[in-house]
Amino acid sequence: MAATDIAVAVAAARAAADVLVRLRGGGLTGRDLGDAGDAAAQHAITDELRAARPDDVVFSEEAADDARRLTADRVWIVDPLDGTREYGDADRHDWAVHVALWSAGELTAAAVALPGLGEVLVTDPAPVVPERSPGPVRVAVSRTRPPTVADAVAAALGAELVPLGSAGYKTLAVVRGEVDAYVHAGGMDQWDSAAPVAVARAAGLTACRLDGSPLVYNGRDPWLPDLVVCRPELAGAVLAAVRAGR
């Protein structure tokens, strides 16, 4: 029996995770390790997708943009190594592998590997978001480029800002209950958020642009510069704080 789309996404994400973990245990470090990881993870994912879904188009950070995706029915949106800087630091686990399927205007299946934790989160079965911990609202932000709008959200909600690494990890930190929201305004591309947003939505979280509009994938321009991912009960307050802060 043919593999389901979610099984294909998991196989591709795991293949990339495995090669990244092996490389990380070798002699490379820093930027050299990141470059090698980008290339090896890209090959691992494309090999899996070509074998299982040879007629689908792949839209990846680490490959030339294939114009066929704009008229294709099925497009895999991939970030083979999200968080190259964190991957190059042996002490960090906040990096990820993203594999998402876009079909007929929607993200229909996705897997996000967190190799530093040995986990893969998927859209089906969807993760169960833990109950919120007592205390201040926790908002994930970039550890290197925290957006100023996050300060407005923190002030409005009495929140604590939590610096974390890759975009995918920050999104899944909301899913995993490490934080309650993720606010980003510093620029990113579609592959940075497609798979983790699909997983977050499947888990019942709110995921949208900073202005509350939908996140649209497989658009002509890869640029998709901002997003909010949060617990649904916080969405109104977070988006109001974003509007006030802008």
Protein backbone atom coordinates (compact mmCIF):
# COMPACT_ATOMS: atom_id res chain seq x y z
CA MET A 1 0.00 0.00 0.00
CA ALA A 2 1.31 3.46 -0.89
CA ALA A 3 2.57 5.61 1.96
CA THR A 4 0.33 8.43 3.13
CA ASP A 5 1.47 12.02 2.71
CA ILE A 6 2.10 12.34 6.43
CA ALA A 7 4.21 9.18 6.39
CA VAL A 8 6.24 10.62 3.51
CA ALA A 9 6.71 13.90 5.41
CA VAL A 10 7.88 12.01 8.51
CA ALA A 11 10.28 9.83 6.51
CA ALA A 12 11.81 12.88 4.84
CA ALA A 13 12.15 14.80 8.10
CA ARG A 14 13.67 11.82 9.87
CA ALA A 15 16.14 11.19 7.04
CA ALA A 16 17.37 14.77 7.29
CA ALA A 17 17.47 14.62 11.09
CA ASP A 18 19.55 11.46 11.02
CA VAL A 19 22.16 12.87 8.66
CA LEU A 20 22.33 16.13 10.60
CA VAL A 21 22.92 14.34 13.89
CA ARG A 22 25.65 12.21 12.33
CA LEU A 23 27.38 15.25 10.87
CA ARG A 24 27.17 17.07 14.17
CA GLY A 25 29.11 14.26 15.78
CA GLY A 26 31.97 14.57 13.31
CA GLY A 27 34.89 16.96 13.15
CA LEU A 28 33.16 19.98 11.58
CA THR A 29 32.14 23.01 13.63
CA GLY A 30 30.50 26.41 13.20
CA ARG A 31 29.82 27.66 9.68
CA ASP A 32 31.50 24.66 8.03
CA LEU A 33 29.17 22.34 9.91
CA GLY A 34 26.15 24.47 9.01
CA ASP A 35 27.00 24.49 5.30
CA ALA A 36 27.56 20.74 5.27
CA GLY A 37 24.33 20.20 7.18
CA ASP A 38 22.29 22.34 4.78
CA ALA A 39 23.54 20.36 1.79
CA ALA A 40 23.26 16.91 3.34
CA ALA A 41 19.77 17.48 4.73
CA GLN A 42 18.60 18.84 1.37
CA HIS A 43 19.80 15.67 -0.37
CA ALA A 44 18.22 13.44 2.26
CA ILE A 45 14.82 15.10 1.91
CA THR A 46 14.78 15.31 -1.88
CA ASP A 47 15.82 11.65 -2.16
CA GLU A 48 12.87 10.63 0.02
CA LEU A 49 10.39 12.85 -1.83
CA ARG A 50 11.56 11.80 -5.28
CA ALA A 51 11.24 8.15 -4.34
CA ALA A 52 7.79 8.46 -2.78
CA ARG A 53 6.24 11.35 -4.72
CA PRO A 54 8.17 11.73 -8.01
CA ASP A 55 5.51 13.91 -9.66
CA ASP A 56 5.35 16.51 -6.89
CA VAL A 57 7.30 19.79 -6.91
CA VAL A 58 9.75 20.66 -4.12
CA PHE A 59 10.09 24.28 -2.95
CA SER A 60 13.12 24.46 -0.69
CA GLU A 61 15.41 27.03 0.86
CA GLU A 62 18.40 25.06 -0.37
CA ALA A 63 17.41 24.69 -4.04
CA ALA A 64 16.63 26.92 -7.00
CA ASP A 65 13.00 28.01 -7.12
CA ASP A 66 11.10 25.73 -9.51
CA ALA A 67 8.50 27.84 -11.35
CA ARG A 68 6.34 24.75 -11.89
CA ARG A 69 5.19 25.09 -8.30
CA LEU A 70 3.00 28.06 -9.22
CA THR A 71 0.72 25.86 -11.32
CA ALA A 72 1.27 22.54 -9.54
CA ASP A 73 -1.42 20.79 -7.52
CA ARG A 74 1.05 19.51 -4.94
CA VAL A 75 4.14 21.29 -3.63
CA TRP A 76 6.45 20.24 -0.78
CA ILE A 77 7.68 23.30 1.14
CA VAL A 78 10.94 22.39 2.83
CA ASP A 79 13.57 23.87 5.11
CA PRO A 80 16.21 21.16 5.46
CA LEU A 81 17.95 22.91 8.37
CA ASP A 82 16.11 25.68 10.17
CA GLY A 83 18.51 27.34 12.57
CA THR A 84 21.93 26.86 11.01
CA ARG A 85 23.56 29.03 13.68
CA GLU A 86 22.11 26.95 16.51
CA TYR A 87 22.97 23.70 14.73
CA GLY A 88 26.60 24.82 14.59
CA ASP A 89 26.65 25.26 18.38
CA ALA A 90 26.96 21.85 20.04
CA ASP A 91 25.30 23.13 23.22
CA ARG A 92 22.03 24.14 21.51
CA HIS A 93 19.00 22.03 20.62
CA ASP A 94 16.72 24.78 19.26
CA TRP A 95 16.93 23.97 15.55
CA ALA A 96 14.64 21.96 13.30
CA VAL A 97 13.85 20.25 10.00
CA HIS A 98 10.67 21.29 8.15
CA VAL A 99 8.71 19.25 5.60
CA ALA A 100 5.20 20.40 4.60
CA LEU A 101 2.85 19.53 1.76
CA TRP A 102 0.81 22.31 0.14
CA SER A 103 -2.12 21.20 -1.96
CA ALA A 104 -4.96 23.21 -3.51
CA GLY A 105 -4.21 26.29 -1.46
CA GLU A 106 -3.74 24.61 1.92
CA LEU A 107 -1.05 23.00 4.03
CA THR A 108 -2.34 19.43 4.17
CA ALA A 109 0.42 17.42 5.87
CA ALA A 110 3.59 18.31 7.73
CA ALA A 111 6.34 16.99 9.93
CA VAL A 112 8.86 18.98 11.95
CA ALA A 113 11.86 17.17 13.37
CA LEU A 114 13.61 18.49 16.45
CA PRO A 115 16.76 16.38 16.19
CA GLY A 116 18.35 17.93 19.26
CA LEU A 117 15.47 16.50 21.31
CA GLY A 118 14.94 13.33 19.27
CA GLU A 119 11.35 14.34 18.45
CA VAL A 120 9.18 14.63 15.34
CA LEU A 121 5.89 16.52 15.60
CA VAL A 122 3.26 16.02 12.92
CA THR A 123 -0.13 17.23 11.79
CA ASP A 124 -1.76 13.81 12.17
CA PRO A 125 -1.98 12.74 14.89
CA ALA A 126 -1.88 16.33 16.06
CA PRO A 127 0.09 17.16 19.20
CA VAL A 128 -1.81 17.89 22.39
CA VAL A 129 -0.83 21.29 23.76
CA PRO A 130 -0.15 21.11 27.52
CA GLU A 131 -2.12 23.30 29.91
CA ARG A 132 -0.56 26.69 30.45
CA SER A 133 1.85 26.90 33.36
CA PRO A 134 1.06 29.38 36.15
CA GLY A 135 2.77 32.73 36.02
CA PRO A 136 3.35 35.41 33.39
CA VAL A 137 2.62 34.80 29.72
CA ARG A 138 5.81 33.67 27.98
CA VAL A 139 6.54 34.99 24.48
CA ALA A 140 9.23 33.41 22.31
CA VAL A 141 11.40 35.83 20.35
CA SER A 142 14.55 35.62 18.28
CA ARG A 143 17.62 35.39 20.46
CA THR A 144 19.61 37.46 17.94
CA ARG A 145 16.98 39.80 16.41
CA PRO A 146 14.07 40.27 18.84
CA PRO A 147 11.44 42.51 17.16
CA THR A 148 10.45 45.74 18.88
CA VAL A 149 6.78 44.77 18.55
CA ALA A 150 7.47 41.95 21.02
CA ASP A 151 8.23 44.57 23.66
CA ALA A 152 4.76 46.04 23.11
CA VAL A 153 3.19 42.61 23.50
CA ALA A 154 5.20 41.97 26.66
CA ALA A 155 4.17 45.32 28.15
CA ALA A 156 0.49 44.84 27.31
CA LEU A 157 0.29 41.29 28.66
CA GLY A 158 2.81 41.59 31.50
CA ALA A 159 4.68 38.91 29.62
CA GLU A 160 8.17 37.47 29.83
CA LEU A 161 10.23 37.40 26.62
CA VAL A 162 11.98 34.07 26.03
CA PRO A 163 14.86 34.14 23.50
CA LEU A 164 15.03 30.97 21.41
CA GLY A 165 16.73 29.84 18.21
CA SER A 166 15.12 28.83 14.95
CA ALA A 167 11.67 29.90 13.75
CA GLY A 168 10.48 26.33 13.64
CA TYR A 169 11.66 25.64 17.15
CA LYS A 170 9.97 28.80 18.48
CA THR A 171 6.70 27.80 16.85
CA LEU A 172 6.89 24.31 18.28
CA ALA A 173 7.85 25.74 21.67
CA VAL A 174 4.25 27.03 21.74
CA VAL A 175 2.95 23.60 20.72
CA ARG A 176 5.09 21.90 23.38
CA GLY A 177 4.01 24.33 26.12
CA GLU A 178 7.46 25.86 26.68
CA VAL A 179 6.00 29.28 25.81
CA ASP A 180 2.53 30.67 25.21
CA ALA A 181 3.13 32.74 22.08
CA TYR A 182 5.67 33.51 19.38
CA VAL A 183 5.82 36.94 17.77
CA HIS A 184 8.06 37.58 14.76
CA ALA A 185 8.52 40.70 12.66
CA GLY A 186 12.10 40.48 11.45
CA GLY A 187 11.54 38.86 8.07
CA MET A 188 11.42 35.22 6.96
CA ASP A 189 10.45 33.10 3.98
CA GLN A 190 7.64 30.63 3.43
CA TRP A 191 9.79 27.58 4.21
CA ASP A 192 10.67 29.06 7.61
CA SER A 193 7.11 28.68 8.86
CA ALA A 194 5.07 26.36 6.60
CA ALA A 195 5.62 23.03 8.37
CA PRO A 196 5.63 24.35 11.96
CA VAL A 197 2.55 26.48 11.30
CA ALA A 198 0.74 23.44 9.90
CA VAL A 199 1.58 21.48 13.06
CA ALA A 200 0.57 24.41 15.29
CA ARG A 201 -2.77 24.77 13.51
CA ALA A 202 -3.43 21.04 13.74
CA ALA A 203 -2.84 21.34 17.50
CA GLY A 204 -5.51 24.06 17.72
CA LEU A 205 -3.23 27.09 18.02
CA THR A 206 -3.76 30.43 16.32
CA ALA A 207 -1.28 31.21 13.52
CA CYS A 208 -1.57 34.32 11.36
CA ARG A 209 0.21 37.44 10.15
CA LEU A 210 0.85 40.30 12.60
CA ASP A 211 -2.17 42.15 11.19
CA GLY A 212 -4.38 39.10 11.75
CA SER A 213 -4.54 38.17 8.05
CA PRO A 214 -3.96 34.59 6.90
CA LEU A 215 -0.54 33.12 6.25
CA VAL A 216 -0.53 32.24 2.52
CA TYR A 217 1.85 29.61 1.19
CA ASN A 218 3.21 28.75 -2.25
CA GLY A 219 2.95 32.41 -3.21
CA ARG A 220 5.07 33.70 -6.07
CA ASP A 221 7.32 35.65 -3.70
CA PRO A 222 8.94 33.38 -1.09
CA TRP A 223 8.94 36.30 1.38
CA LEU A 224 6.47 35.92 4.26
CA PRO A 225 8.00 38.29 6.78
CA ASP A 226 5.98 38.09 10.00
CA LEU A 227 3.73 35.89 12.06
CA VAL A 228 2.05 35.28 15.39
CA VAL A 229 1.58 31.81 16.84
CA CYS A 230 -0.22 31.61 20.16
CA ARG A 231 -2.74 29.87 22.34
CA PRO A 232 -6.20 30.75 20.98
CA GLU A 233 -7.32 32.32 24.26
CA LEU A 234 -4.46 34.82 23.97
CA ALA A 235 -4.93 35.68 20.30
CA GLY A 236 -7.15 38.72 20.80
CA ALA A 237 -4.87 40.29 23.39
CA VAL A 238 -1.68 39.52 21.45
CA LEU A 239 -2.99 40.93 18.17
CA ALA A 240 -4.36 44.02 19.92
CA ALA A 241 -0.96 44.60 21.52
CA VAL A 242 0.73 44.16 18.12
CA ARG A 243 -1.58 46.75 16.54
CA ALA A 244 -0.96 49.19 19.36
CA GLY A 245 2.79 48.62 19.18
CA ARG A 246 3.02 49.27 15.45
